[in-house]
PDB file of all heavy atoms in Angstrom:
ATOM      1  N   PRO A   1     -26.281  -6.001 -40.505  1.00  0.00           N
ATOM      2  CA  PRO A   1     -26.845  -6.410 -39.223  1.00  0.00           C
ATOM      3  C   PRO A   1     -27.463  -5.259 -38.454  1.00  0.00           C
ATOM      4  O   PRO A   1     -27.020  -4.116 -38.552  1.00  0.00           O
ATOM      5  CB  PRO A   1     -25.654  -6.994 -38.460  1.00  0.00           C
ATOM      6  CG  PRO A   1     -24.616  -7.255 -39.488  1.00  0.00           C
ATOM      7  CD  PRO A   1     -24.860  -6.294 -40.607  1.00  0.00           C
ATOM      8  N   GLU A   2     -28.502  -5.586 -37.660  1.00  0.00           N
ATOM      9  CA  GLU A   2     -29.215  -4.596 -36.840  1.00  0.00           C
ATOM     10  C   GLU A   2     -28.262  -3.925 -35.853  1.00  0.00           C
ATOM     11  O   GLU A   2     -28.455  -2.753 -35.508  1.00  0.00           O
ATOM     12  CB  GLU A   2     -30.355  -5.250 -36.084  1.00  0.00           C
ATOM     13  CG  GLU A   2     -31.457  -5.785 -36.961  1.00  0.00           C
ATOM     14  CD  GLU A   2     -32.473  -4.694 -37.299  1.00  0.00           C
ATOM     15  OE1 GLU A   2     -32.558  -3.692 -36.611  1.00  0.00           O
ATOM     16  OE2 GLU A   2     -33.196  -4.874 -38.322  1.00  0.00           O
ATOM     17  N   ASN A   3     -27.266  -4.643 -35.347  1.00  0.00           N
ATOM     18  CA  ASN A   3     -26.413  -4.069 -34.293  1.00  0.00           C
ATOM     19  C   ASN A   3     -25.259  -3.241 -34.860  1.00  0.00           C
ATOM     20  O   ASN A   3     -24.416  -2.752 -34.102  1.00  0.00           O
ATOM     21  CB  ASN A   3     -25.866  -5.172 -33.378  1.00  0.00           C
ATOM     22  CG  ASN A   3     -24.990  -6.172 -34.128  1.00  0.00           C
ATOM     23  OD1 ASN A   3     -24.908  -6.156 -35.373  1.00  0.00           O
ATOM     24  ND2 ASN A   3     -24.342  -7.050 -33.393  1.00  0.00           N
ATOM     25  N   THR A   4     -25.229  -3.057 -36.153  1.00  0.00           N
ATOM     26  CA  THR A   4     -24.200  -2.185 -36.785  1.00  0.00           C
ATOM     27  C   THR A   4     -24.523  -0.741 -36.442  1.00  0.00           C
ATOM     28  O   THR A   4     -25.694  -0.351 -36.472  1.00  0.00           O
ATOM     29  CB  THR A   4     -24.179  -2.393 -38.304  1.00  0.00           C
ATOM     30  OG1 THR A   4     -23.949  -3.766 -38.582  1.00  0.00           O
ATOM     31  CG2 THR A   4     -23.160  -1.540 -38.958  1.00  0.00           C
ATOM     32  N   PRO A   5     -23.512   0.070 -36.156  1.00  0.00           N
ATOM     33  CA  PRO A   5     -23.796   1.507 -35.903  1.00  0.00           C
ATOM     34  C   PRO A   5     -24.526   2.109 -37.091  1.00  0.00           C
ATOM     35  O   PRO A   5     -24.311   1.729 -38.242  1.00  0.00           O
ATOM     36  CB  PRO A   5     -22.415   2.148 -35.740  1.00  0.00           C
ATOM     37  CG  PRO A   5     -21.511   1.003 -35.423  1.00  0.00           C
ATOM     38  CD  PRO A   5     -22.101  -0.205 -36.070  1.00  0.00           C
ATOM     39  N   THR A   6     -25.401   3.067 -36.819  1.00  0.00           N
ATOM     40  CA  THR A   6     -26.098   3.749 -37.885  1.00  0.00           C
ATOM     41  C   THR A   6     -25.144   4.713 -38.571  1.00  0.00           C
ATOM     42  O   THR A   6     -24.079   5.054 -38.050  1.00  0.00           O
ATOM     43  CB  THR A   6     -27.302   4.536 -37.363  1.00  0.00           C
ATOM     44  OG1 THR A   6     -26.839   5.605 -36.523  1.00  0.00           O
ATOM     45  CG2 THR A   6     -28.285   3.653 -36.619  1.00  0.00           C
ATOM     46  N   TRP A   7     -25.552   5.165 -39.768  1.00  0.00           N
ATOM     47  CA  TRP A   7     -24.770   6.146 -40.491  1.00  0.00           C
ATOM     48  C   TRP A   7     -24.550   7.379 -39.621  1.00  0.00           C
ATOM     49  O   TRP A   7     -23.428   7.905 -39.544  1.00  0.00           O
ATOM     50  CB  TRP A   7     -25.440   6.504 -41.811  1.00  0.00           C
ATOM     51  CG  TRP A   7     -24.927   7.793 -42.384  1.00  0.00           C
ATOM     52  CD1 TRP A   7     -25.604   8.943 -42.542  1.00  0.00           C
ATOM     53  CD2 TRP A   7     -23.587   8.050 -42.845  1.00  0.00           C
ATOM     54  NE1 TRP A   7     -24.779   9.927 -43.071  1.00  0.00           N
ATOM     55  CE2 TRP A   7     -23.532   9.397 -43.257  1.00  0.00           C
ATOM     56  CE3 TRP A   7     -22.427   7.271 -42.936  1.00  0.00           C
ATOM     57  CZ2 TRP A   7     -22.392   9.990 -43.757  1.00  0.00           C
ATOM     58  CZ3 TRP A   7     -21.285   7.890 -43.442  1.00  0.00           C
ATOM     59  CH2 TRP A   7     -21.281   9.220 -43.850  1.00  0.00           C
ATOM     60  N   GLU A   8     -25.599   7.841 -38.971  1.00  0.00           N
ATOM     61  CA  GLU A   8     -25.489   9.055 -38.166  1.00  0.00           C
ATOM     62  C   GLU A   8     -24.507   8.877 -37.004  1.00  0.00           C
ATOM     63  O   GLU A   8     -23.710   9.774 -36.724  1.00  0.00           O
ATOM     64  CB  GLU A   8     -26.883   9.431 -37.632  1.00  0.00           C
ATOM     65  CG  GLU A   8     -27.870   9.887 -38.673  1.00  0.00           C
ATOM     66  CD  GLU A   8     -28.601   8.733 -39.405  1.00  0.00           C
ATOM     67  OE1 GLU A   8     -28.341   7.561 -39.075  1.00  0.00           O
ATOM     68  OE2 GLU A   8     -29.400   9.035 -40.287  1.00  0.00           O
ATOM     69  N   GLN A   9     -24.560   7.733 -36.356  1.00  0.00           N
ATOM     70  CA  GLN A   9     -23.598   7.458 -35.267  1.00  0.00           C
ATOM     71  C   GLN A   9     -22.179   7.403 -35.787  1.00  0.00           C
ATOM     72  O   GLN A   9     -21.270   7.995 -35.201  1.00  0.00           O
ATOM     73  CB  GLN A   9     -23.936   6.119 -34.586  1.00  0.00           C
ATOM     74  CG  GLN A   9     -25.211   6.093 -33.805  1.00  0.00           C
ATOM     75  CD  GLN A   9     -25.617   4.689 -33.388  1.00  0.00           C
ATOM     76  OE1 GLN A   9     -25.355   3.704 -34.084  1.00  0.00           O
ATOM     77  NE2 GLN A   9     -26.220   4.585 -32.206  1.00  0.00           N
ATOM     78  N   TRP A  10     -21.957   6.708 -36.879  1.00  0.00           N
ATOM     79  CA  TRP A  10     -20.635   6.604 -37.432  1.00  0.00           C
ATOM     80  C   TRP A  10     -20.115   7.939 -37.918  1.00  0.00           C
ATOM     81  O   TRP A  10     -18.958   8.311 -37.662  1.00  0.00           O
ATOM     82  CB  TRP A  10     -20.609   5.587 -38.582  1.00  0.00           C
ATOM     83  CG  TRP A  10     -19.213   5.266 -39.019  1.00  0.00           C
ATOM     84  CD1 TRP A  10     -18.409   4.316 -38.506  1.00  0.00           C
ATOM     85  CD2 TRP A  10     -18.469   5.949 -40.019  1.00  0.00           C
ATOM     86  NE1 TRP A  10     -17.197   4.366 -39.130  1.00  0.00           N
ATOM     87  CE2 TRP A  10     -17.194   5.363 -40.061  1.00  0.00           C
ATOM     88  CE3 TRP A  10     -18.725   7.003 -40.875  1.00  0.00           C
ATOM     89  CZ2 TRP A  10     -16.214   5.772 -40.938  1.00  0.00           C
ATOM     90  CZ3 TRP A  10     -17.759   7.414 -41.742  1.00  0.00           C
ATOM     91  CH2 TRP A  10     -16.498   6.800 -41.777  1.00  0.00           C
ATOM     92  N   ARG A  11     -20.965   8.688 -38.637  1.00  0.00           N
ATOM     93  CA  ARG A  11     -20.568  10.019 -39.128  1.00  0.00           C
ATOM     94  C   ARG A  11     -20.155  10.935 -38.004  1.00  0.00           C
ATOM     95  O   ARG A  11     -19.117  11.583 -38.056  1.00  0.00           O
ATOM     96  CB  ARG A  11     -21.741  10.627 -39.918  1.00  0.00           C
ATOM     97  CG  ARG A  11     -21.434  12.012 -40.476  1.00  0.00           C
ATOM     98  CD  ARG A  11     -22.700  12.747 -40.866  1.00  0.00           C
ATOM     99  NE  ARG A  11     -23.553  12.869 -39.685  1.00  0.00           N
ATOM    100  CZ  ARG A  11     -24.886  12.917 -39.726  1.00  0.00           C
ATOM    101  NH1 ARG A  11     -25.523  12.853 -40.860  1.00  0.00           N
ATOM    102  NH2 ARG A  11     -25.585  13.061 -38.618  1.00  0.00           N
ATOM    103  N   ASP A  12     -20.957  10.943 -36.924  1.00  0.00           N
ATOM    104  CA  ASP A  12     -20.653  11.852 -35.788  1.00  0.00           C
ATOM    105  C   ASP A  12     -19.363  11.423 -35.105  1.00  0.00           C
ATOM    106  O   ASP A  12     -18.526  12.269 -34.761  1.00  0.00           O
ATOM    107  CB  ASP A  12     -21.821  11.854 -34.790  1.00  0.00           C
ATOM    108  CG  ASP A  12     -23.079  12.504 -35.360  1.00  0.00           C
ATOM    109  OD1 ASP A  12     -23.005  13.152 -36.429  1.00  0.00           O
ATOM    110  OD2 ASP A  12     -24.140  12.331 -34.731  1.00  0.00           O
ATOM    111  N   ALA A  13     -19.174  10.117 -34.916  1.00  0.00           N
ATOM    112  CA  ALA A  13     -17.944   9.627 -34.292  1.00  0.00           C
ATOM    113  C   ALA A  13     -16.742   9.908 -35.162  1.00  0.00           C
ATOM    114  O   ALA A  13     -15.676  10.299 -34.683  1.00  0.00           O
ATOM    115  CB  ALA A  13     -18.047   8.132 -33.997  1.00  0.00           C
ATOM    116  N   ASN A  14     -16.890   9.748 -36.478  1.00  0.00           N
ATOM    117  CA  ASN A  14     -15.787  10.009 -37.408  1.00  0.00           C
ATOM    118  C   ASN A  14     -15.456  11.499 -37.452  1.00  0.00           C
ATOM    119  O   ASN A  14     -14.285  11.863 -37.525  1.00  0.00           O
ATOM    120  CB  ASN A  14     -16.149   9.487 -38.791  1.00  0.00           C
ATOM    121  CG  ASN A  14     -14.962   9.413 -39.704  1.00  0.00           C
ATOM    122  OD1 ASN A  14     -13.876   8.962 -39.294  1.00  0.00           O
ATOM    123  ND2 ASN A  14     -15.107   9.874 -40.911  1.00  0.00           N
ATOM    124  N   THR A  15     -16.475  12.342 -37.411  1.00  0.00           N
ATOM    125  CA  THR A  15     -16.268  13.784 -37.401  1.00  0.00           C
ATOM    126  C   THR A  15     -15.499  14.176 -36.124  1.00  0.00           C
ATOM    127  O   THR A  15     -14.533  14.955 -36.192  1.00  0.00           O
ATOM    128  CB  THR A  15     -17.597  14.538 -37.481  1.00  0.00           C
ATOM    129  OG1 THR A  15     -18.229  14.212 -38.712  1.00  0.00           O
ATOM    130  CG2 THR A  15     -17.408  16.049 -37.367  1.00  0.00           C
ATOM    131  N   GLU A  16     -15.916  13.624 -35.012  1.00  0.00           N
ATOM    132  CA  GLU A  16     -15.228  13.927 -33.745  1.00  0.00           C
ATOM    133  C   GLU A  16     -13.783  13.450 -33.798  1.00  0.00           C
ATOM    134  O   GLU A  16     -12.876  14.147 -33.347  1.00  0.00           O
ATOM    135  CB  GLU A  16     -15.957  13.283 -32.579  1.00  0.00           C
ATOM    136  CG  GLU A  16     -15.356  13.610 -31.236  1.00  0.00           C
ATOM    137  CD  GLU A  16     -16.112  13.047 -30.049  1.00  0.00           C
ATOM    138  OE1 GLU A  16     -17.030  12.238 -30.249  1.00  0.00           O
ATOM    139  OE2 GLU A  16     -15.756  13.416 -28.905  1.00  0.00           O
ATOM    140  N   LYS A  17     -13.545  12.283 -34.347  1.00  0.00           N
ATOM    141  CA  LYS A  17     -12.196  11.748 -34.463  1.00  0.00           C
ATOM    142  C   LYS A  17     -11.320  12.674 -35.312  1.00  0.00           C
ATOM    143  O   LYS A  17     -10.174  12.987 -34.933  1.00  0.00           O
ATOM    144  CB  LYS A  17     -12.225  10.347 -35.062  1.00  0.00           C
ATOM    145  CG  LYS A  17     -10.854   9.753 -35.279  1.00  0.00           C
ATOM    146  CD  LYS A  17     -10.925   8.418 -35.976  1.00  0.00           C
ATOM    147  CE  LYS A  17      -9.542   7.896 -36.325  1.00  0.00           C
ATOM    148  NZ  LYS A  17      -9.577   6.722 -37.184  1.00  0.00           N
ATOM    149  N   LYS A  18     -11.869  13.145 -36.431  1.00  0.00           N
ATOM    150  CA  LYS A  18     -11.112  14.051 -37.287  1.00  0.00           C
ATOM    151  C   LYS A  18     -10.787  15.375 -36.560  1.00  0.00           C
ATOM    152  O   LYS A  18      -9.694  15.904 -36.655  1.00  0.00           O
ATOM    153  CB  LYS A  18     -11.886  14.349 -38.569  1.00  0.00           C
ATOM    154  CG  LYS A  18     -11.914  13.195 -39.550  1.00  0.00           C
ATOM    155  CD  LYS A  18     -12.733  13.531 -40.794  1.00  0.00           C
ATOM    156  CE  LYS A  18     -12.792  12.375 -41.741  1.00  0.00           C
ATOM    157  NZ  LYS A  18     -13.599  12.662 -42.918  1.00  0.00           N
ATOM    158  N   GLU A  19     -11.781  15.900 -35.832  1.00  0.00           N
ATOM    159  CA  GLU A  19     -11.573  17.133 -35.076  1.00  0.00           C
ATOM    160  C   GLU A  19     -10.520  16.943 -33.992  1.00  0.00           C
ATOM    161  O   GLU A  19      -9.648  17.824 -33.810  1.00  0.00           O
ATOM    162  CB  GLU A  19     -12.887  17.606 -34.462  1.00  0.00           C
ATOM    163  CG  GLU A  19     -13.865  18.119 -35.482  1.00  0.00           C
ATOM    164  CD  GLU A  19     -15.261  18.394 -34.924  1.00  0.00           C
ATOM    165  OE1 GLU A  19     -15.500  18.084 -33.739  1.00  0.00           O
ATOM    166  OE2 GLU A  19     -16.113  18.898 -35.702  1.00  0.00           O
ATOM    167  N   LEU A  20     -10.547  15.840 -33.279  1.00  0.00           N
ATOM    168  CA  LEU A  20      -9.563  15.586 -32.228  1.00  0.00           C
ATOM    169  C   LEU A  20      -8.180  15.359 -32.824  1.00  0.00           C
ATOM    170  O   LEU A  20      -7.181  15.811 -32.244  1.00  0.00           O
ATOM    171  CB  LEU A  20      -9.994  14.388 -31.387  1.00  0.00           C
ATOM    172  CG  LEU A  20     -11.199  14.612 -30.482  1.00  0.00           C
ATOM    173  CD1 LEU A  20     -11.649  13.313 -29.845  1.00  0.00           C
ATOM    174  CD2 LEU A  20     -10.899  15.664 -29.425  1.00  0.00           C
ATOM    175  N   THR A  21      -8.108  14.712 -33.966  1.00  0.00           N
ATOM    176  CA  THR A  21      -6.832  14.508 -34.630  1.00  0.00           C
ATOM    177  C   THR A  21      -6.229  15.845 -35.039  1.00  0.00           C
ATOM    178  O   THR A  21      -5.020  16.090 -34.865  1.00  0.00           O
ATOM    179  CB  THR A  21      -7.015  13.573 -35.850  1.00  0.00           C
ATOM    180  OG1 THR A  21      -7.498  12.324 -35.409  1.00  0.00           O
ATOM    181  CG2 THR A  21      -5.690  13.377 -36.578  1.00  0.00           C
ATOM    182  N   GLN A  22      -7.079  16.736 -35.582  1.00  0.00           N
ATOM    183  CA  GLN A  22      -6.610  18.069 -35.964  1.00  0.00           C
ATOM    184  C   GLN A  22      -6.192  18.870 -34.743  1.00  0.00           C
ATOM    185  O   GLN A  22      -5.166  19.565 -34.758  1.00  0.00           O
ATOM    186  CB  GLN A  22      -7.686  18.825 -36.767  1.00  0.00           C
ATOM    187  CG  GLN A  22      -7.230  20.189 -37.253  1.00  0.00           C
ATOM    188  CD  GLN A  22      -6.014  20.101 -38.167  1.00  0.00           C
ATOM    189  OE1 GLN A  22      -6.032  19.343 -39.146  1.00  0.00           O
ATOM    190  NE2 GLN A  22      -4.975  20.842 -37.887  1.00  0.00           N
ATOM    191  N   GLU A  23      -6.957  18.784 -33.676  1.00  0.00           N
ATOM    192  CA  GLU A  23      -6.647  19.494 -32.455  1.00  0.00           C
ATOM    193  C   GLU A  23      -5.265  19.007 -31.894  1.00  0.00           C
ATOM    194  O   GLU A  23      -4.452  19.816 -31.481  1.00  0.00           O
ATOM    195  CB  GLU A  23      -7.731  19.262 -31.396  1.00  0.00           C
ATOM    196  CG  GLU A  23      -7.501  19.989 -30.108  1.00  0.00           C
ATOM    197  CD  GLU A  23      -8.627  19.739 -29.112  1.00  0.00           C
ATOM    198  OE1 GLU A  23      -9.795  19.612 -29.535  1.00  0.00           O
ATOM    199  OE2 GLU A  23      -8.334  19.680 -27.890  1.00  0.00           O
ATOM    200  N   ARG A  24      -5.056  17.732 -31.933  1.00  0.00           N
ATOM    201  CA  ARG A  24      -3.769  17.177 -31.482  1.00  0.00           C
ATOM    202  C   ARG A  24      -2.620  17.725 -32.324  1.00  0.00           C
ATOM    203  O   ARG A  24      -1.595  18.121 -31.795  1.00  0.00           O
ATOM    204  CB  ARG A  24      -3.794  15.638 -31.566  1.00  0.00           C
ATOM    205  CG  ARG A  24      -2.521  14.980 -31.120  1.00  0.00           C
ATOM    206  CD  ARG A  24      -2.610  13.460 -31.230  1.00  0.00           C
ATOM    207  NE  ARG A  24      -1.457  12.813 -30.730  1.00  0.00           N
ATOM    208  CZ  ARG A  24      -0.341  12.610 -31.438  1.00  0.00           C
ATOM    209  NH1 ARG A  24      -0.275  13.000 -32.678  1.00  0.00           N
ATOM    210  NH2 ARG A  24       0.706  12.007 -30.903  1.00  0.00           N
ATOM    211  N   GLN A  25      -2.803  17.757 -33.648  1.00  0.00           N
ATOM    212  CA  GLN A  25      -1.777  18.281 -34.530  1.00  0.00           C
ATOM    213  C   GLN A  25      -1.521  19.751 -34.258  1.00  0.00           C
ATOM    214  O   GLN A  25      -0.374  20.196 -34.256  1.00  0.00           O
ATOM    215  CB  GLN A  25      -2.150  18.054 -35.999  1.00  0.00           C
ATOM    216  CG  GLN A  25      -1.018  18.411 -36.940  1.00  0.00           C
ATOM    217  CD  GLN A  25       0.237  17.585 -36.669  1.00  0.00           C
ATOM    218  OE1 GLN A  25       0.215  16.374 -36.603  1.00  0.00           O
ATOM    219  NE2 GLN A  25       1.374  18.276 -36.497  1.00  0.00           N
ATOM    220  N   ASP A  26      -2.593  20.519 -34.011  1.00  0.00           N
ATOM    221  CA  ASP A  26      -2.432  21.944 -33.706  1.00  0.00           C
ATOM    222  C   ASP A  26      -1.624  22.120 -32.411  1.00  0.00           C
ATOM    223  O   ASP A  26      -0.784  23.007 -32.330  1.00  0.00           O
ATOM    224  CB  ASP A  26      -3.799  22.614 -33.528  1.00  0.00           C
ATOM    225  CG  ASP A  26      -4.585  22.722 -34.825  1.00  0.00           C
ATOM    226  OD1 ASP A  26      -3.980  22.498 -35.897  1.00  0.00           O
ATOM    227  OD2 ASP A  26      -5.799  22.972 -34.751  1.00  0.00           O
ATOM    228  N   ILE A  27      -1.863  21.263 -31.432  1.00  0.00           N
ATOM    229  CA  ILE A  27      -1.111  21.319 -30.166  1.00  0.00           C
ATOM    230  C   ILE A  27       0.342  20.977 -30.399  1.00  0.00           C
ATOM    231  O   ILE A  27       1.257  21.663 -29.881  1.00  0.00           O
ATOM    232  CB  ILE A  27      -1.752  20.438 -29.095  1.00  0.00           C
ATOM    233  CG1 ILE A  27      -3.113  20.978 -28.675  1.00  0.00           C
ATOM    234  CG2 ILE A  27      -0.834  20.279 -27.889  1.00  0.00           C
ATOM    235  CD1 ILE A  27      -3.939  20.045 -27.817  1.00  0.00           C
ATOM    236  N   LEU A  28       0.608  19.936 -31.175  1.00  0.00           N
ATOM    237  CA  LEU A  28       1.997  19.565 -31.483  1.00  0.00           C
ATOM    238  C   LEU A  28       2.742  20.670 -32.242  1.00  0.00           C
ATOM    239  O   LEU A  28       3.904  20.951 -31.958  1.00  0.00           O
ATOM    240  CB  LEU A  28       2.021  18.265 -32.276  1.00  0.00           C
ATOM    241  CG  LEU A  28       1.568  17.007 -31.516  1.00  0.00           C
ATOM    242  CD1 LEU A  28       1.461  15.819 -32.462  1.00  0.00           C
ATOM    243  CD2 LEU A  28       2.501  16.704 -30.360  1.00  0.00           C
ATOM    244  N   ASP A  29       2.036  21.293 -33.191  1.00  0.00           N
ATOM    245  CA  ASP A  29       2.641  22.398 -33.949  1.00  0.00           C
ATOM    246  C   ASP A  29       2.939  23.572 -33.000  1.00  0.00           C
ATOM    247  O   ASP A  29       4.019  24.211 -33.125  1.00  0.00           O
ATOM    248  CB  ASP A  29       1.720  22.873 -35.069  1.00  0.00           C
ATOM    249  CG  ASP A  29       1.560  21.830 -36.169  1.00  0.00           C
ATOM    250  OD1 ASP A  29       2.346  20.853 -36.206  1.00  0.00           O
ATOM    251  OD2 ASP A  29       0.619  21.966 -36.967  1.00  0.00           O
ATOM    252  N   PHE A  30       2.036  23.859 -32.107  1.00  0.00           N
ATOM    253  CA  PHE A  30       2.242  24.956 -31.154  1.00  0.00           C
ATOM    254  C   PHE A  30       3.398  24.629 -30.206  1.00  0.00           C
ATOM    255  O   PHE A  30       4.221  25.487 -29.901  1.00  0.00           O
ATOM    256  CB  PHE A  30       0.965  25.200 -30.356  1.00  0.00           C
ATOM    257  CG  PHE A  30       1.060  26.373 -29.412  1.00  0.00           C
ATOM    258  CD1 PHE A  30       1.219  27.665 -29.884  1.00  0.00           C
ATOM    259  CD2 PHE A  30       0.994  26.178 -28.040  1.00  0.00           C
ATOM    260  CE1 PHE A  30       1.331  28.737 -29.019  1.00  0.00           C
ATOM    261  CE2 PHE A  30       1.083  27.263 -27.162  1.00  0.00           C
ATOM    262  CZ  PHE A  30       1.239  28.529 -27.660  1.00  0.00           C
ATOM    263  N   GLN A  31       3.513  23.355 -29.815  1.00  0.00           N
ATOM    264  CA  GLN A  31       4.616  22.956 -28.934  1.00  0.00           C
ATOM    265  C   GLN A  31       5.955  23.193 -29.628  1.00  0.00           C
ATOM    266  O   GLN A  31       6.929  23.620 -28.997  1.00  0.00           O
ATOM    267  CB  GLN A  31       4.469  21.502 -28.528  1.00  0.00           C
ATOM    268  CG  GLN A  31       5.557  21.049 -27.548  1.00  0.00           C
ATOM    269  CD  GLN A  31       5.529  21.795 -26.245  1.00  0.00           C
ATOM    270  OE1 GLN A  31       4.502  21.872 -25.586  1.00  0.00           O
ATOM    271  NE2 GLN A  31       6.656  22.382 -25.850  1.00  0.00           N
TER     272      GLN A  31
END
């Protein structure tokens, strides 16, 4: 469908999600 996110949108959002997940884990490890 036309209203489906584009590959570029999904890739960028997924990359950001992975980075935030790693950042959260780094904070928990530091705690």
